[in-house]
Amino acid sequence: MSSRSLVIFDLDGTLIDSRLDLALSINLVRSSLGLPELPEPVVTGYLGDGIRNLVKRCFQDVECNLDDVVKKYSDTYREHLLDNTTLYPNVKSTLDELATAYNLCVVTNKPEPAAIKILKGLDILDDFDAVIGGGRCQHLKPHPEPILKAIQETNSKQEGSWIVGDHRTDLKAAENTGLKSVFCKFGFGIMDTCIPDYSIESFEELTKILLNK
């Protein structure tokens, strides 16, 4: 890897549409505890701040040992994370184009083993110079730590680097590290009060922004 600038991608809602499998896994655990299912949009609305916060929000209607439910959910999701999850259109071809000018990395708050399994299963793991997932660093996005770790691990220049994501955590992480940001409007996160440098309706629009095509 040469010392180039870096494009850091979020995973869920940016590279992949994982809503069905995330909701399925939550509801399998809820069912095992005798709880009614949550609609998929409700589960989706709880995403973006790491697995522990997801579980805490999805099980706020019952008293439970949070650590036990987090483990149960993690085990369940590991078995179902590729049941319905797909790449968004034109992800692979766009990554190939961007790789001609940038180093590429995934930084996600999803636990790293699950992220790697998904990327491998969808045949894009080798497109990235590094994957930084939840559990690798002490802090999750929007804290700067995983972003700076990605820059260091890929031997990239912070100057001219980008964060591409669909959630406020990605946009805030860009603000916290001085990187430019692209918000994916096709994802399922929220912008909140953050203001991205660019917004896109489809993944392939990245080539216009990052490669001036």
C-alpha atoms as a PDB file:
ATOM      1  CA  MET A   1       0.000   0.000   0.000  1.00  0.00           C
ATOM      2  CA  SER A   2       1.367   3.357  -1.003  1.00  0.00           C
ATOM      3  CA  SER A   3       0.901   6.473   1.079  1.00  0.00           C
ATOM      4  CA  ARG A   4      -2.333   7.605  -0.524  1.00  0.00           C
ATOM      5  CA  SER A   5      -5.431   9.182   0.907  1.00  0.00           C
ATOM      6  CA  LEU A   6      -8.055   6.837   2.308  1.00  0.00           C
ATOM      7  CA  VAL A   7     -11.760   6.302   1.727  1.00  0.00           C
ATOM      8  CA  ILE A   8     -13.359   4.880   4.880  1.00  0.00           C
ATOM      9  CA  PHE A   9     -16.686   3.143   4.427  1.00  0.00           C
ATOM     10  CA  ASP A  10     -19.315   2.328   6.976  1.00  0.00           C
ATOM     11  CA  LEU A  11     -20.864  -1.119   6.450  1.00  0.00           C
ATOM     12  CA  ASP A  12     -24.580  -1.363   7.267  1.00  0.00           C
ATOM     13  CA  GLY A  13     -26.625   1.063   5.205  1.00  0.00           C
ATOM     14  CA  THR A  14     -23.589   2.047   3.140  1.00  0.00           C
ATOM     15  CA  LEU A  15     -22.122  -1.040   1.477  1.00  0.00           C
ATOM     16  CA  ILE A  16     -24.829  -3.519   2.452  1.00  0.00           C
ATOM     17  CA  ASP A  17     -28.568  -3.667   3.081  1.00  0.00           C
ATOM     18  CA  SER A  18     -28.701  -5.806   6.215  1.00  0.00           C
ATOM     19  CA  ARG A  19     -32.028  -4.677   7.663  1.00  0.00           C
ATOM     20  CA  LEU A  20     -33.875  -7.969   7.304  1.00  0.00           C
ATOM     21  CA  ASP A  21     -31.182 -10.073   8.983  1.00  0.00           C
ATOM     22  CA  LEU A  22     -30.683  -7.618  11.834  1.00  0.00           C
ATOM     23  CA  ALA A  23     -34.426  -7.528  12.545  1.00  0.00           C
ATOM     24  CA  LEU A  24     -34.734 -11.297  12.132  1.00  0.00           C
ATOM     25  CA  SER A  25     -32.022 -11.941  14.702  1.00  0.00           C
ATOM     26  CA  ILE A  26     -33.467  -9.470  17.197  1.00  0.00           C
ATOM     27  CA  ASN A  27     -36.901 -11.043  16.866  1.00  0.00           C
ATOM     28  CA  LEU A  28     -35.605 -14.583  17.219  1.00  0.00           C
ATOM     29  CA  VAL A  29     -34.123 -13.593  20.568  1.00  0.00           C
ATOM     30  CA  ARG A  30     -37.274 -11.722  21.572  1.00  0.00           C
ATOM     31  CA  SER A  31     -39.346 -14.771  20.689  1.00  0.00           C
ATOM     32  CA  SER A  32     -37.098 -16.999  22.802  1.00  0.00           C
ATOM     33  CA  LEU A  33     -37.858 -14.700  25.742  1.00  0.00           C
ATOM     34  CA  GLY A  34     -41.607 -14.754  25.094  1.00  0.00           C
ATOM     35  CA  LEU A  35     -41.664 -11.200  23.716  1.00  0.00           C
ATOM     36  CA  PRO A  36     -43.588  -9.972  20.653  1.00  0.00           C
ATOM     37  CA  GLU A  37     -41.686  -9.181  17.486  1.00  0.00           C
ATOM     38  CA  LEU A  38     -40.595  -5.649  16.668  1.00  0.00           C
ATOM     39  CA  PRO A  39     -41.333  -4.298  13.172  1.00  0.00           C
ATOM     40  CA  GLU A  40     -38.242  -4.101  10.978  1.00  0.00           C
ATOM     41  CA  PRO A  41     -38.377  -0.275  10.747  1.00  0.00           C
ATOM     42  CA  VAL A  42     -38.283  -0.066  14.553  1.00  0.00           C
ATOM     43  CA  VAL A  43     -35.165  -2.246  14.744  1.00  0.00           C
ATOM     44  CA  THR A  44     -33.588  -0.294  11.896  1.00  0.00           C
ATOM     45  CA  GLY A  45     -34.204   2.935  13.771  1.00  0.00           C
ATOM     46  CA  TYR A  46     -32.143   1.630  16.689  1.00  0.00           C
ATOM     47  CA  LEU A  47     -29.044   0.926  14.582  1.00  0.00           C
ATOM     48  CA  GLY A  48     -25.784   2.848  14.329  1.00  0.00           C
ATOM     49  CA  ASP A  49     -24.338   3.028  17.828  1.00  0.00           C
ATOM     50  CA  GLY A  50     -22.975  -0.473  18.329  1.00  0.00           C
ATOM     51  CA  ILE A  51     -24.430  -3.828  19.268  1.00  0.00           C
ATOM     52  CA  ARG A  52     -24.863  -3.102  22.964  1.00  0.00           C
ATOM     53  CA  ASN A  53     -26.977  -0.008  22.324  1.00  0.00           C
ATOM     54  CA  LEU A  54     -28.999  -1.886  19.703  1.00  0.00           C
ATOM     55  CA  VAL A  55     -29.856  -4.648  22.156  1.00  0.00           C
ATOM     56  CA  LYS A  56     -30.546  -2.198  24.967  1.00  0.00           C
ATOM     57  CA  ARG A  57     -33.065  -0.338  22.812  1.00  0.00           C
ATOM     58  CA  CYS A  58     -34.701  -3.463  21.388  1.00  0.00           C
ATOM     59  CA  PHE A  59     -35.226  -5.004  24.843  1.00  0.00           C
ATOM     60  CA  GLN A  60     -36.158  -1.917  26.807  1.00  0.00           C
ATOM     61  CA  ASP A  61     -39.621  -3.374  27.410  1.00  0.00           C
ATOM     62  CA  VAL A  62     -38.321  -6.193  29.625  1.00  0.00           C
ATOM     63  CA  GLU A  63     -36.012  -6.522  32.593  1.00  0.00           C
ATOM     64  CA  CYS A  64     -33.070  -8.674  31.595  1.00  0.00           C
ATOM     65  CA  ASN A  65     -29.347  -9.136  32.007  1.00  0.00           C
ATOM     66  CA  LEU A  66     -28.030  -6.985  29.184  1.00  0.00           C
ATOM     67  CA  ASP A  67     -24.747  -8.893  28.868  1.00  0.00           C
ATOM     68  CA  ASP A  68     -26.606 -12.192  28.501  1.00  0.00           C
ATOM     69  CA  VAL A  69     -28.943 -10.814  25.838  1.00  0.00           C
ATOM     70  CA  VAL A  70     -26.069  -9.197  23.932  1.00  0.00           C
ATOM     71  CA  LYS A  71     -24.323 -12.583  23.809  1.00  0.00           C
ATOM     72  CA  LYS A  72     -27.503 -14.369  22.763  1.00  0.00           C
ATOM     73  CA  TYR A  73     -28.127 -11.833  20.035  1.00  0.00           C
ATOM     74  CA  SER A  74     -24.503 -12.009  18.828  1.00  0.00           C
ATOM     75  CA  ASP A  75     -24.682 -15.795  18.583  1.00  0.00           C
ATOM     76  CA  THR A  76     -28.017 -15.644  16.767  1.00  0.00           C
ATOM     77  CA  TYR A  77     -26.941 -12.961  14.312  1.00  0.00           C
ATOM     78  CA  ARG A  78     -23.769 -14.867  13.508  1.00  0.00           C
ATOM     79  CA  GLU A  79     -25.962 -17.683  12.190  1.00  0.00           C
ATOM     80  CA  HIS A  80     -28.229 -15.435  10.104  1.00  0.00           C
ATOM     81  CA  LEU A  81     -26.094 -12.527   8.934  1.00  0.00           C
ATOM     82  CA  LEU A  82     -26.097 -13.631   5.304  1.00  0.00           C
ATOM     83  CA  ASP A  83     -29.647 -14.971   5.021  1.00  0.00           C
ATOM     84  CA  ASN A  84     -30.983 -11.879   3.260  1.00  0.00           C
ATOM     85  CA  THR A  85     -28.148  -9.325   3.326  1.00  0.00           C
ATOM     86  CA  THR A  86     -27.057  -7.970  -0.049  1.00  0.00           C
ATOM     87  CA  LEU A  87     -24.694  -5.401  -1.501  1.00  0.00           C
ATOM     88  CA  TYR A  88     -26.237  -2.180  -2.673  1.00  0.00           C
ATOM     89  CA  PRO A  89     -26.205  -1.829  -6.481  1.00  0.00           C
ATOM     90  CA  ASN A  90     -22.841  -1.110  -8.150  1.00  0.00           C
ATOM     91  CA  VAL A  91     -20.795  -1.410  -4.955  1.00  0.00           C
ATOM     92  CA  LYS A  92     -18.219  -3.806  -6.401  1.00  0.00           C
ATOM     93  CA  SER A  93     -17.600  -1.891  -9.635  1.00  0.00           C
ATOM     94  CA  THR A  94     -17.392   1.430  -7.798  1.00  0.00           C
ATOM     95  CA  LEU A  95     -14.874   0.070  -5.290  1.00  0.00           C
ATOM     96  CA  ASP A  96     -12.739  -1.161  -8.186  1.00  0.00           C
ATOM     97  CA  GLU A  97     -12.696   2.334  -9.681  1.00  0.00           C
ATOM     98  CA  LEU A  98     -11.946   4.074  -6.393  1.00  0.00           C
ATOM     99  CA  ALA A  99      -9.073   1.674  -5.693  1.00  0.00           C
ATOM    100  CA  THR A 100      -7.160   3.182  -8.605  1.00  0.00           C
ATOM    101  CA  ALA A 101      -6.705   6.405  -6.624  1.00  0.00           C
ATOM    102  CA  TYR A 102      -7.303   5.652  -2.938  1.00  0.00           C
ATOM    103  CA  ASN A 103      -6.670   3.136  -0.221  1.00  0.00           C
ATOM    104  CA  LEU A 104      -9.987   1.643   0.922  1.00  0.00           C
ATOM    105  CA  CYS A 105     -11.072   0.614   4.395  1.00  0.00           C
ATOM    106  CA  VAL A 106     -14.196  -0.378   6.317  1.00  0.00           C
ATOM    107  CA  VAL A 107     -14.779   1.118   9.756  1.00  0.00           C
ATOM    108  CA  THR A 108     -17.947  -0.176  11.382  1.00  0.00           C
ATOM    109  CA  ASN A 109     -19.408  -0.324  14.875  1.00  0.00           C
ATOM    110  CA  LYS A 110     -20.546  -3.867  14.077  1.00  0.00           C
ATOM    111  CA  PRO A 111     -18.367  -6.492  15.809  1.00  0.00           C
ATOM    112  CA  GLU A 112     -15.363  -7.122  13.580  1.00  0.00           C
ATOM    113  CA  PRO A 113     -15.774 -10.911  13.139  1.00  0.00           C
ATOM    114  CA  ALA A 114     -19.329 -10.416  11.856  1.00  0.00           C
ATOM    115  CA  ALA A 115     -18.226  -7.626   9.534  1.00  0.00           C
ATOM    116  CA  ILE A 116     -15.440  -9.744   8.056  1.00  0.00           C
ATOM    117  CA  LYS A 117     -17.767 -12.726   7.589  1.00  0.00           C
ATOM    118  CA  ILE A 118     -20.238 -10.557   5.670  1.00  0.00           C
ATOM    119  CA  LEU A 119     -17.597  -8.923   3.486  1.00  0.00           C
ATOM    120  CA  LYS A 120     -16.108 -12.310   2.675  1.00  0.00           C
ATOM    121  CA  GLY A 121     -19.505 -13.861   2.006  1.00  0.00           C
ATOM    122  CA  LEU A 122     -20.409 -11.059  -0.399  1.00  0.00           C
ATOM    123  CA  ASP A 123     -17.002 -11.364  -2.087  1.00  0.00           C
ATOM    124  CA  ILE A 124     -15.682  -7.861  -1.389  1.00  0.00           C
ATOM    125  CA  LEU A 125     -13.346  -8.471   1.559  1.00  0.00           C
ATOM    126  CA  ASP A 126     -10.288  -8.359  -0.695  1.00  0.00           C
ATOM    127  CA  ASP A 127     -11.299  -4.925  -1.973  1.00  0.00           C
ATOM    128  CA  PHE A 128     -10.265  -3.367   1.335  1.00  0.00           C
ATOM    129  CA  ASP A 129      -6.842  -2.693   2.776  1.00  0.00           C
ATOM    130  CA  ALA A 130      -8.186  -3.048   6.322  1.00  0.00           C
ATOM    131  CA  VAL A 131     -11.356  -3.693   8.297  1.00  0.00           C
ATOM    132  CA  ILE A 132     -11.789  -2.010  11.683  1.00  0.00           C
ATOM    133  CA  GLY A 133     -14.838  -3.289  13.554  1.00  0.00           C
ATOM    134  CA  GLY A 134     -16.334  -3.016  16.996  1.00  0.00           C
ATOM    135  CA  GLY A 135     -14.041  -4.547  19.579  1.00  0.00           C
ATOM    136  CA  ARG A 136     -10.796  -3.545  17.875  1.00  0.00           C
ATOM    137  CA  CYS A 137     -10.598  -0.154  19.576  1.00  0.00           C
ATOM    138  CA  GLN A 138     -11.655   1.036  22.994  1.00  0.00           C
ATOM    139  CA  HIS A 139     -14.115   3.475  21.423  1.00  0.00           C
ATOM    140  CA  LEU A 140     -16.666   3.261  18.618  1.00  0.00           C
ATOM    141  CA  LYS A 141     -17.525   5.896  16.033  1.00  0.00           C
ATOM    142  CA  PRO A 142     -18.042   8.846  16.302  1.00  0.00           C
ATOM    143  CA  HIS A 143     -14.917   8.796  18.476  1.00  0.00           C
ATOM    144  CA  PRO A 144     -11.804   9.503  16.377  1.00  0.00           C
ATOM    145  CA  GLU A 145      -9.942   6.390  17.582  1.00  0.00           C
ATOM    146  CA  PRO A 146     -11.141   3.835  14.978  1.00  0.00           C
ATOM    147  CA  ILE A 147     -10.767   6.386  12.175  1.00  0.00           C
ATOM    148  CA  LEU A 148      -7.197   7.225  13.147  1.00  0.00           C
ATOM    149  CA  LYS A 149      -6.508   3.506  13.545  1.00  0.00           C
ATOM    150  CA  ALA A 150      -7.673   2.931   9.975  1.00  0.00           C
ATOM    151  CA  ILE A 151      -5.445   5.695   8.628  1.00  0.00           C
ATOM    152  CA  GLN A 152      -2.462   4.277  10.500  1.00  0.00           C
ATOM    153  CA  GLU A 153      -3.115   0.657   9.601  1.00  0.00           C
ATOM    154  CA  THR A 154      -3.447   1.407   5.885  1.00  0.00           C
ATOM    155  CA  ASN A 155      -0.435   3.739   5.827  1.00  0.00           C
ATOM    156  CA  SER A 156      -2.672   6.456   4.417  1.00  0.00           C
ATOM    157  CA  LYS A 157      -2.535  10.230   4.452  1.00  0.00           C
ATOM    158  CA  GLN A 158      -5.133  11.920   6.627  1.00  0.00           C
ATOM    159  CA  GLU A 159      -5.131  14.843   4.212  1.00  0.00           C
ATOM    160  CA  GLY A 160      -7.563  14.214   1.388  1.00  0.00           C
ATOM    161  CA  SER A 161      -9.222  11.252   3.096  1.00  0.00           C
ATOM    162  CA  TRP A 162     -12.978  10.685   3.242  1.00  0.00           C
ATOM    163  CA  ILE A 163     -15.650   8.980   5.328  1.00  0.00           C
ATOM    164  CA  VAL A 164     -18.652   7.529   3.505  1.00  0.00           C
ATOM    165  CA  GLY A 165     -21.626   6.501   5.621  1.00  0.00           C
ATOM    166  CA  ASP A 166     -25.353   6.681   6.221  1.00  0.00           C
ATOM    167  CA  HIS A 167     -25.506   7.733   9.863  1.00  0.00           C
ATOM    168  CA  ARG A 168     -24.743  10.637  12.150  1.00  0.00           C
ATOM    169  CA  THR A 169     -21.954   8.588  13.737  1.00  0.00           C
ATOM    170  CA  ASP A 170     -20.075   8.599  10.421  1.00  0.00           C
ATOM    171  CA  LEU A 171     -20.608  12.312   9.830  1.00  0.00           C
ATOM    172  CA  LYS A 172     -19.612  13.179  13.381  1.00  0.00           C
ATOM    173  CA  ALA A 173     -16.520  10.971  13.090  1.00  0.00           C
ATOM    174  CA  ALA A 174     -15.542  12.948   9.994  1.00  0.00           C
ATOM    175  CA  GLU A 175     -15.991  16.209  11.897  1.00  0.00           C
ATOM    176  CA  ASN A 176     -13.921  14.866  14.792  1.00  0.00           C
ATOM    177  CA  THR A 177     -10.999  13.931  12.532  1.00  0.00           C
ATOM    178  CA  GLY A 178     -11.103  16.720   9.946  1.00  0.00           C
ATOM    179  CA  LEU A 179     -12.048  14.381   7.095  1.00  0.00           C
ATOM    180  CA  LYS A 180     -14.558  15.156   4.376  1.00  0.00           C
ATOM    181  CA  SER A 181     -17.810  13.206   4.452  1.00  0.00           C
ATOM    182  CA  VAL A 182     -20.341  11.730   2.056  1.00  0.00           C
ATOM    183  CA  PHE A 183     -23.819  10.879   3.355  1.00  0.00           C
ATOM    184  CA  CYS A 184     -25.585   7.887   1.775  1.00  0.00           C
ATOM    185  CA  LYS A 185     -29.233   8.873   1.480  1.00  0.00           C
ATOM    186  CA  PHE A 186     -30.120   5.369   0.290  1.00  0.00           C
ATOM    187  CA  GLY A 187     -29.112   3.871   3.650  1.00  0.00           C
ATOM    188  CA  PHE A 188     -31.164   3.587   6.813  1.00  0.00           C
ATOM    189  CA  GLY A 189     -29.347   5.882   9.216  1.00  0.00           C
ATOM    190  CA  ILE A 190     -30.063   9.510  10.039  1.00  0.00           C
ATOM    191  CA  MET A 191     -28.143  12.703   9.407  1.00  0.00           C
ATOM    192  CA  ASP A 192     -29.421  14.365  12.589  1.00  0.00           C
ATOM    193  CA  THR A 193     -27.876  17.848  12.888  1.00  0.00           C
ATOM    194  CA  CYS A 194     -24.647  16.944  11.048  1.00  0.00           C
ATOM    195  CA  ILE A 195     -23.907  18.516   7.681  1.00  0.00           C
ATOM    196  CA  PRO A 196     -21.984  16.328   5.200  1.00  0.00           C
ATOM    197  CA  ASP A 197     -19.785  17.682   2.456  1.00  0.00           C
ATOM    198  CA  TYR A 198     -21.811  15.712  -0.099  1.00  0.00           C
ATOM    199  CA  SER A 199     -24.900  13.505  -0.193  1.00  0.00           C
ATOM    200  CA  ILE A 200     -25.541  10.714  -2.692  1.00  0.00           C
ATOM    201  CA  GLU A 201     -28.656   8.880  -3.849  1.00  0.00           C
ATOM    202  CA  SER A 202     -26.744   5.859  -5.179  1.00  0.00           C
ATOM    203  CA  PHE A 203     -23.353   4.308  -4.502  1.00  0.00           C
ATOM    204  CA  GLU A 204     -21.881   4.836  -7.974  1.00  0.00           C
ATOM    205  CA  GLU A 205     -22.168   8.612  -7.532  1.00  0.00           C
ATOM    206  CA  LEU A 206     -18.995   8.380  -5.452  1.00  0.00           C
ATOM    207  CA  THR A 207     -16.886   8.291  -8.618  1.00  0.00           C
ATOM    208  CA  LYS A 208     -18.152  11.755  -9.584  1.00  0.00           C
ATOM    209  CA  ILE A 209     -17.216  13.153  -6.198  1.00  0.00           C
ATOM    210  CA  LEU A 210     -13.974  11.329  -5.451  1.00  0.00           C
ATOM    211  CA  LEU A 211     -12.606  10.866  -8.963  1.00  0.00           C
ATOM    212  CA  ASN A 212     -14.222  13.841 -10.691  1.00  0.00           C
ATOM    213  CA  LYS A 213     -15.790  11.552 -13.296  1.00  0.00           C
END
